[in-house]
């Protein structure tokens, strides 16, 4: 699946999790390069927090598939990484932000992140007094 996130669209929910607008931030949702049909079935993998509707998200309205014993997302990811073959090629991105000319955002993260930057719209700025690496993302 591929999609774009339109940060210029109003948020779906307010700070208390109440729906205030129709969802419009996810746009150009496609499966295998074709627009997703509203009635197209999919298996939704999520954690129990989101599946139960916590965090202001609507719980899925379908039957849960019993896929095995409960497993935390962290444990499932760790198990997958432990048995996965070493990564040899970078997968194309599945999503992107809808371009917003003359708009940037600044964020702080690990200084080790800079070693993983490919040519992109992210520019390193400085190291913060707390030891984080500051970057600017051009939207």
N, C-alpha and C. Protein backbone atom coordinates (compact mmCIF):
# COMPACT_ATOMS: atom_id res chain seq x y z
N UNK A 1 0.84 -1.17 0.00
CA UNK A 1 0.00 0.00 0.00
C UNK A 1 0.88 1.23 0.00
N UNK A 2 0.40 2.26 -0.64
CA UNK A 2 1.08 3.56 -0.62
C UNK A 2 0.03 4.62 -0.30
N UNK A 3 0.50 5.73 0.28
CA UNK A 3 -0.41 6.82 0.63
C UNK A 3 0.39 8.08 0.86
N UNK A 4 -0.33 9.20 0.95
CA UNK A 4 0.28 10.49 1.27
C UNK A 4 -0.45 11.06 2.48
N UNK A 5 0.29 11.83 3.27
CA UNK A 5 -0.27 12.48 4.45
C UNK A 5 -0.34 13.98 4.15
N UNK A 6 -1.56 14.53 4.17
CA UNK A 6 -1.78 15.95 3.89
C UNK A 6 -1.89 16.70 5.22
N UNK A 7 -0.77 17.29 5.66
CA UNK A 7 -0.75 18.00 6.93
C UNK A 7 -1.54 19.30 6.89
N UNK A 8 -1.89 19.77 5.70
CA UNK A 8 -2.67 21.00 5.59
C UNK A 8 -4.16 20.73 5.84
N UNK A 9 -4.59 19.49 5.76
CA UNK A 9 -6.00 19.15 6.03
C UNK A 9 -6.25 19.24 7.53
N UNK A 10 -7.46 19.64 7.93
CA UNK A 10 -7.75 19.74 9.36
C UNK A 10 -7.69 18.36 10.02
N UNK A 11 -7.32 18.31 11.29
CA UNK A 11 -7.27 17.02 11.98
C UNK A 11 -8.67 16.42 12.10
N UNK A 12 -8.72 15.10 12.14
CA UNK A 12 -9.97 14.38 12.25
C UNK A 12 -10.56 14.52 13.64
N UNK A 13 -9.69 14.43 14.67
CA UNK A 13 -10.15 14.50 16.05
C UNK A 13 -9.50 15.67 16.77
N UNK A 14 -10.16 16.12 17.85
CA UNK A 14 -9.59 17.19 18.65
C UNK A 14 -8.67 16.59 19.72
N UNK A 15 -8.15 17.42 20.61
CA UNK A 15 -7.20 16.97 21.62
C UNK A 15 -7.79 15.95 22.59
N UNK A 16 -9.12 15.90 22.69
CA UNK A 16 -9.77 14.93 23.58
C UNK A 16 -10.19 13.66 22.84
N UNK A 17 -9.91 13.57 21.55
CA UNK A 17 -10.23 12.37 20.78
C UNK A 17 -11.61 12.39 20.15
N UNK A 18 -12.31 13.51 20.25
CA UNK A 18 -13.65 13.60 19.65
C UNK A 18 -13.53 13.95 18.18
N UNK A 19 -14.24 13.22 17.33
CA UNK A 19 -14.22 13.51 15.89
C UNK A 19 -14.84 14.88 15.64
N UNK A 20 -14.10 15.74 14.96
CA UNK A 20 -14.58 17.09 14.67
C UNK A 20 -14.64 17.37 13.17
N UNK A 21 -13.95 16.57 12.39
CA UNK A 21 -13.91 16.75 10.94
C UNK A 21 -13.92 15.37 10.29
N UNK A 22 -14.35 15.30 9.04
CA UNK A 22 -14.20 14.01 8.34
C UNK A 22 -12.71 13.73 8.12
N UNK A 23 -12.32 12.47 8.15
CA UNK A 23 -10.89 12.17 7.93
C UNK A 23 -10.47 12.51 6.51
N UNK A 24 -9.48 13.40 6.39
CA UNK A 24 -9.01 13.81 5.05
C UNK A 24 -7.49 13.89 4.96
N UNK A 25 -6.77 13.57 6.01
CA UNK A 25 -5.31 13.73 5.96
C UNK A 25 -4.62 12.62 5.16
N UNK A 26 -5.19 11.43 5.12
CA UNK A 26 -4.61 10.35 4.32
C UNK A 26 -5.24 10.44 2.93
N UNK A 27 -4.40 10.66 1.92
CA UNK A 27 -4.88 10.83 0.54
C UNK A 27 -4.10 9.89 -0.38
N UNK A 28 -4.65 9.68 -1.56
CA UNK A 28 -4.00 8.84 -2.58
C UNK A 28 -3.65 7.45 -2.05
N UNK A 29 -4.58 6.85 -1.35
CA UNK A 29 -4.39 5.51 -0.81
C UNK A 29 -4.51 4.50 -1.95
N UNK A 30 -3.43 3.75 -2.18
CA UNK A 30 -3.39 2.81 -3.30
C UNK A 30 -2.88 1.45 -2.84
N UNK A 31 -3.33 0.42 -3.55
CA UNK A 31 -2.86 -0.94 -3.33
C UNK A 31 -2.37 -1.46 -4.67
N UNK A 32 -1.10 -1.84 -4.72
CA UNK A 32 -0.46 -2.30 -5.96
C UNK A 32 -0.62 -1.26 -7.07
N UNK A 33 -0.48 0.02 -6.70
CA UNK A 33 -0.50 1.11 -7.67
C UNK A 33 -1.87 1.56 -8.12
N UNK A 34 -2.93 0.96 -7.59
CA UNK A 34 -4.29 1.33 -7.99
C UNK A 34 -5.04 1.87 -6.79
N UNK A 35 -5.92 2.88 -6.99
CA UNK A 35 -6.68 3.42 -5.86
C UNK A 35 -7.44 2.33 -5.12
N UNK A 36 -7.44 2.44 -3.82
CA UNK A 36 -8.11 1.47 -2.97
C UNK A 36 -9.62 1.62 -3.08
N UNK A 37 -10.31 0.52 -3.32
CA UNK A 37 -11.77 0.53 -3.39
C UNK A 37 -12.33 0.58 -1.96
N UNK A 38 -13.41 1.35 -1.73
CA UNK A 38 -13.97 1.45 -0.38
C UNK A 38 -14.37 0.10 0.22
N UNK A 39 -14.74 -0.86 -0.61
CA UNK A 39 -15.18 -2.16 -0.09
C UNK A 39 -14.11 -3.25 -0.21
N UNK A 40 -12.88 -2.86 -0.51
CA UNK A 40 -11.81 -3.84 -0.67
C UNK A 40 -11.41 -4.41 0.69
N UNK A 41 -11.45 -5.73 0.86
CA UNK A 41 -11.13 -6.32 2.17
C UNK A 41 -9.62 -6.36 2.41
N UNK A 42 -9.24 -6.19 3.68
CA UNK A 42 -7.85 -6.26 4.10
C UNK A 42 -7.78 -6.87 5.48
N UNK A 43 -6.64 -7.46 5.80
CA UNK A 43 -6.36 -7.88 7.16
C UNK A 43 -5.66 -6.72 7.84
N UNK A 44 -6.20 -6.27 8.96
CA UNK A 44 -5.64 -5.16 9.70
C UNK A 44 -4.85 -5.72 10.87
N UNK A 45 -3.57 -5.43 10.90
CA UNK A 45 -2.73 -5.84 12.02
C UNK A 45 -2.49 -4.61 12.88
N UNK A 46 -2.82 -4.72 14.14
CA UNK A 46 -2.65 -3.60 15.05
C UNK A 46 -2.39 -4.14 16.44
N UNK A 47 -2.14 -3.25 17.37
CA UNK A 47 -1.96 -3.70 18.75
C UNK A 47 -3.30 -3.64 19.48
N UNK A 48 -3.36 -4.24 20.66
CA UNK A 48 -4.61 -4.30 21.40
C UNK A 48 -5.09 -2.92 21.83
N UNK A 49 -4.19 -2.00 22.04
CA UNK A 49 -4.56 -0.63 22.44
C UNK A 49 -5.41 0.03 21.36
N UNK A 50 -4.95 -0.02 20.11
CA UNK A 50 -5.71 0.58 19.00
C UNK A 50 -6.94 -0.27 18.65
N UNK A 51 -6.81 -1.58 18.72
CA UNK A 51 -7.92 -2.46 18.35
C UNK A 51 -9.12 -2.28 19.28
N UNK A 52 -8.86 -1.86 20.51
CA UNK A 52 -9.96 -1.67 21.46
C UNK A 52 -10.54 -0.26 21.39
N UNK A 53 -9.98 0.58 20.51
CA UNK A 53 -10.51 1.93 20.36
C UNK A 53 -9.85 2.94 21.27
N UNK A 54 -8.77 2.57 21.93
CA UNK A 54 -8.09 3.51 22.83
C UNK A 54 -7.32 4.56 22.05
N UNK A 55 -7.06 5.67 22.72
CA UNK A 55 -6.33 6.76 22.10
C UNK A 55 -7.20 7.60 21.18
N UNK A 56 -8.51 7.46 21.30
CA UNK A 56 -9.41 8.25 20.47
C UNK A 56 -9.64 7.67 19.08
N UNK A 57 -9.10 6.48 18.82
CA UNK A 57 -9.29 5.86 17.51
C UNK A 57 -10.52 4.96 17.54
N UNK A 58 -11.19 4.87 16.43
CA UNK A 58 -12.37 4.02 16.33
C UNK A 58 -11.91 2.57 16.20
N UNK A 59 -12.50 1.70 17.01
CA UNK A 59 -12.16 0.28 16.94
C UNK A 59 -12.66 -0.30 15.63
N UNK A 60 -11.89 -1.20 15.01
CA UNK A 60 -12.36 -1.84 13.77
C UNK A 60 -13.72 -2.51 13.97
N UNK A 61 -14.56 -2.43 12.97
CA UNK A 61 -15.92 -2.96 13.08
C UNK A 61 -16.06 -4.35 12.46
N UNK A 62 -15.02 -5.14 12.52
CA UNK A 62 -15.07 -6.49 11.97
C UNK A 62 -14.63 -7.47 13.03
N UNK A 63 -14.83 -8.74 12.75
CA UNK A 63 -14.42 -9.78 13.68
C UNK A 63 -12.90 -9.86 13.72
N UNK A 64 -12.39 -10.11 14.91
CA UNK A 64 -10.95 -10.31 15.05
C UNK A 64 -10.60 -11.72 14.60
N UNK A 65 -9.48 -11.86 13.94
CA UNK A 65 -8.99 -13.18 13.54
C UNK A 65 -8.07 -13.70 14.62
N UNK A 66 -8.36 -14.83 15.21
CA UNK A 66 -7.46 -15.37 16.23
C UNK A 66 -6.21 -15.93 15.55
N UNK A 67 -5.13 -15.19 15.64
CA UNK A 67 -3.91 -15.60 14.96
C UNK A 67 -2.90 -16.26 15.88
N UNK A 68 -3.21 -16.41 17.13
CA UNK A 68 -2.29 -17.03 18.05
C UNK A 68 -2.39 -16.37 19.42
N UNK A 69 -1.47 -16.72 20.31
CA UNK A 69 -1.51 -16.15 21.65
C UNK A 69 -1.21 -14.65 21.61
N UNK A 70 -1.72 -13.91 22.59
CA UNK A 70 -1.40 -12.48 22.63
C UNK A 70 0.10 -12.26 22.70
N UNK A 71 0.57 -11.28 21.95
CA UNK A 71 1.99 -10.98 21.90
C UNK A 71 2.12 -9.47 21.77
N UNK A 72 2.97 -8.87 22.57
CA UNK A 72 3.12 -7.42 22.49
C UNK A 72 3.74 -7.05 21.14
N UNK A 73 3.44 -5.87 20.68
CA UNK A 73 4.00 -5.40 19.40
C UNK A 73 5.52 -5.42 19.45
N UNK A 74 6.08 -5.00 20.58
CA UNK A 74 7.54 -4.99 20.73
C UNK A 74 8.11 -6.40 20.61
N UNK A 75 7.48 -7.37 21.27
CA UNK A 75 7.97 -8.75 21.21
C UNK A 75 7.82 -9.34 19.81
N UNK A 76 6.72 -9.03 19.14
CA UNK A 76 6.51 -9.53 17.78
C UNK A 76 7.56 -8.96 16.84
N UNK A 77 7.85 -7.68 16.95
CA UNK A 77 8.86 -7.05 16.10
C UNK A 77 10.25 -7.61 16.39
N UNK A 78 10.58 -7.79 17.66
CA UNK A 78 11.88 -8.35 18.03
C UNK A 78 12.04 -9.77 17.47
N UNK A 79 10.99 -10.57 17.55
CA UNK A 79 11.04 -11.94 17.03
C UNK A 79 11.22 -11.93 15.51
N UNK A 80 10.52 -11.03 14.83
CA UNK A 80 10.65 -10.95 13.38
C UNK A 80 12.07 -10.55 12.98
N UNK A 81 12.63 -9.54 13.63
CA UNK A 81 13.98 -9.08 13.31
C UNK A 81 14.98 -10.20 13.58
N UNK A 82 14.79 -10.94 14.65
CA UNK A 82 15.72 -12.01 15.00
C UNK A 82 15.76 -13.11 13.95
N UNK A 83 14.64 -13.37 13.29
CA UNK A 83 14.63 -14.46 12.30
C UNK A 83 14.71 -13.98 10.86
N UNK A 84 14.67 -12.68 10.63
CA UNK A 84 14.70 -12.14 9.27
C UNK A 84 16.12 -12.18 8.71
N UNK A 85 16.19 -12.32 7.41
CA UNK A 85 17.49 -12.27 6.74
C UNK A 85 18.02 -10.84 6.82
N UNK A 86 19.33 -10.68 6.78
CA UNK A 86 19.88 -9.32 6.80
C UNK A 86 19.33 -8.50 5.64
N UNK A 87 19.09 -7.24 5.91
CA UNK A 87 18.59 -6.35 4.85
C UNK A 87 19.71 -6.03 3.88
N UNK A 88 19.43 -6.14 2.60
CA UNK A 88 20.47 -5.86 1.61
C UNK A 88 20.08 -4.73 0.66
N UNK A 89 18.81 -4.41 0.60
CA UNK A 89 18.38 -3.34 -0.29
C UNK A 89 17.33 -2.49 0.42
N UNK A 90 17.31 -1.22 0.10
CA UNK A 90 16.35 -0.33 0.71
C UNK A 90 15.03 -0.41 -0.06
N UNK A 91 13.95 -0.64 0.66
CA UNK A 91 12.63 -0.68 0.04
C UNK A 91 12.17 0.74 -0.27
N UNK A 92 11.41 0.90 -1.33
CA UNK A 92 10.90 2.25 -1.62
C UNK A 92 9.95 2.68 -0.52
N UNK A 93 9.86 3.98 -0.27
CA UNK A 93 8.94 4.43 0.78
C UNK A 93 7.50 4.12 0.42
N UNK A 94 6.71 3.85 1.44
CA UNK A 94 5.29 3.54 1.24
C UNK A 94 4.42 4.78 1.37
N UNK A 95 4.96 5.83 1.97
CA UNK A 95 4.16 7.03 2.18
C UNK A 95 5.07 8.26 2.05
N UNK A 96 4.43 9.40 1.93
CA UNK A 96 5.15 10.67 1.91
C UNK A 96 4.19 11.77 2.35
N UNK A 97 4.75 12.92 2.67
CA UNK A 97 3.93 14.08 2.98
C UNK A 97 3.54 14.75 1.67
N UNK A 98 2.30 15.26 1.59
CA UNK A 98 1.90 16.08 0.45
C UNK A 98 2.76 17.34 0.52
N UNK A 99 3.41 17.73 -0.58
CA UNK A 99 4.27 18.91 -0.54
C UNK A 99 3.54 20.16 -0.05
N UNK A 100 4.23 20.92 0.78
CA UNK A 100 3.72 22.19 1.29
C UNK A 100 4.81 23.23 1.05
N UNK A 101 4.81 23.90 -0.10
CA UNK A 101 5.87 24.85 -0.42
C UNK A 101 6.09 25.88 0.69
N UNK A 102 7.35 26.21 0.90
CA UNK A 102 7.76 27.21 1.90
C UNK A 102 7.39 26.82 3.33
N UNK A 103 7.31 25.51 3.59
CA UNK A 103 6.97 25.03 4.93
C UNK A 103 8.04 24.04 5.38
N UNK A 104 8.51 24.23 6.60
CA UNK A 104 9.49 23.30 7.16
C UNK A 104 9.09 22.97 8.59
N UNK A 105 9.67 21.91 9.10
CA UNK A 105 9.51 21.52 10.49
C UNK A 105 10.89 21.15 11.03
N UNK A 106 11.14 21.48 12.28
CA UNK A 106 12.40 21.16 12.93
C UNK A 106 12.13 20.09 13.97
N UNK A 107 12.98 19.07 14.03
CA UNK A 107 12.81 18.01 15.02
C UNK A 107 14.16 17.54 15.52
N UNK A 108 14.16 16.98 16.72
CA UNK A 108 15.37 16.46 17.36
C UNK A 108 15.27 14.95 17.44
N UNK A 109 16.41 14.29 17.22
CA UNK A 109 16.45 12.84 17.30
C UNK A 109 17.88 12.41 17.64
N UNK A 110 18.15 11.14 17.55
CA UNK A 110 19.48 10.62 17.87
C UNK A 110 20.53 11.17 16.91
N UNK A 111 21.70 11.47 17.41
CA UNK A 111 22.78 11.90 16.50
C UNK A 111 23.16 10.82 15.49
N UNK A 112 22.87 9.56 15.79
CA UNK A 112 23.18 8.47 14.87
C UNK A 112 22.29 8.47 13.64
N UNK A 113 21.19 9.21 13.67
CA UNK A 113 20.27 9.25 12.53
C UNK A 113 20.94 9.83 11.29
N UNK A 114 21.87 10.73 11.47
CA UNK A 114 22.50 11.39 10.32
C UNK A 114 23.22 10.39 9.42
N UNK A 115 23.74 9.32 9.98
CA UNK A 115 24.45 8.32 9.19
C UNK A 115 23.50 7.58 8.24
N UNK A 116 22.20 7.68 8.48
CA UNK A 116 21.22 6.96 7.67
C UNK A 116 20.47 7.84 6.69
N UNK A 117 20.87 9.09 6.60
CA UNK A 117 20.20 10.01 5.68
C UNK A 117 20.69 9.78 4.26
N UNK A 118 19.77 9.57 3.37
CA UNK A 118 20.07 9.54 1.94
C UNK A 118 19.80 10.96 1.45
N UNK A 119 20.18 11.28 0.22
CA UNK A 119 19.80 12.59 -0.29
C UNK A 119 18.28 12.75 -0.16
N UNK A 120 17.88 13.78 0.54
CA UNK A 120 16.45 13.94 0.80
C UNK A 120 16.14 15.39 1.12
N UNK A 121 14.96 15.60 1.63
CA UNK A 121 14.53 16.93 2.01
C UNK A 121 14.75 17.16 3.51
N UNK A 122 15.67 16.41 4.12
CA UNK A 122 16.02 16.57 5.53
C UNK A 122 17.44 17.12 5.61
N UNK A 123 17.61 18.23 6.33
CA UNK A 123 18.92 18.88 6.47
C UNK A 123 19.35 18.87 7.93
N UNK A 124 20.57 18.42 8.21
CA UNK A 124 21.07 18.50 9.59
C UNK A 124 21.32 19.96 9.96
N UNK A 125 21.02 20.33 11.21
CA UNK A 125 21.22 21.70 11.66
C UNK A 125 22.31 21.80 12.72
N UNK A 126 22.12 21.19 13.86
CA UNK A 126 23.08 21.32 14.96
C UNK A 126 22.85 20.19 15.95
N UNK A 127 23.69 20.15 16.98
CA UNK A 127 23.48 19.25 18.11
C UNK A 127 22.97 20.10 19.26
N UNK A 128 21.90 19.64 19.90
CA UNK A 128 21.31 20.40 21.00
C UNK A 128 22.16 20.26 22.26
N UNK A 129 21.97 21.14 23.24
CA UNK A 129 22.71 21.00 24.50
C UNK A 129 22.44 19.66 25.21
N UNK A 130 21.30 19.04 24.91
CA UNK A 130 20.98 17.74 25.52
C UNK A 130 21.59 16.58 24.75
N UNK A 131 22.29 16.85 23.63
CA UNK A 131 22.96 15.80 22.88
C UNK A 131 22.18 15.24 21.71
N UNK A 132 20.99 15.77 21.44
CA UNK A 132 20.21 15.31 20.28
C UNK A 132 20.71 16.01 19.02
N UNK A 133 20.45 15.40 17.88
CA UNK A 133 20.76 16.01 16.59
C UNK A 133 19.49 16.68 16.08
N UNK A 134 19.60 17.94 15.71
CA UNK A 134 18.45 18.69 15.20
C UNK A 134 18.48 18.68 13.68
N UNK A 135 17.31 18.45 13.09
CA UNK A 135 17.15 18.40 11.63
C UNK A 135 16.02 19.32 11.21
N UNK A 136 16.06 19.75 9.96
CA UNK A 136 14.96 20.50 9.35
C UNK A 136 14.42 19.65 8.20
N UNK A 137 13.10 19.44 8.20
CA UNK A 137 12.43 18.72 7.15
C UNK A 137 11.67 19.73 6.29
N UNK A 138 11.98 19.77 5.02
CA UNK A 138 11.28 20.65 4.08
C UNK A 138 10.06 19.90 3.57
N UNK A 139 8.90 20.42 3.89
CA UNK A 139 7.66 19.78 3.45
C UNK A 139 7.31 20.26 2.07
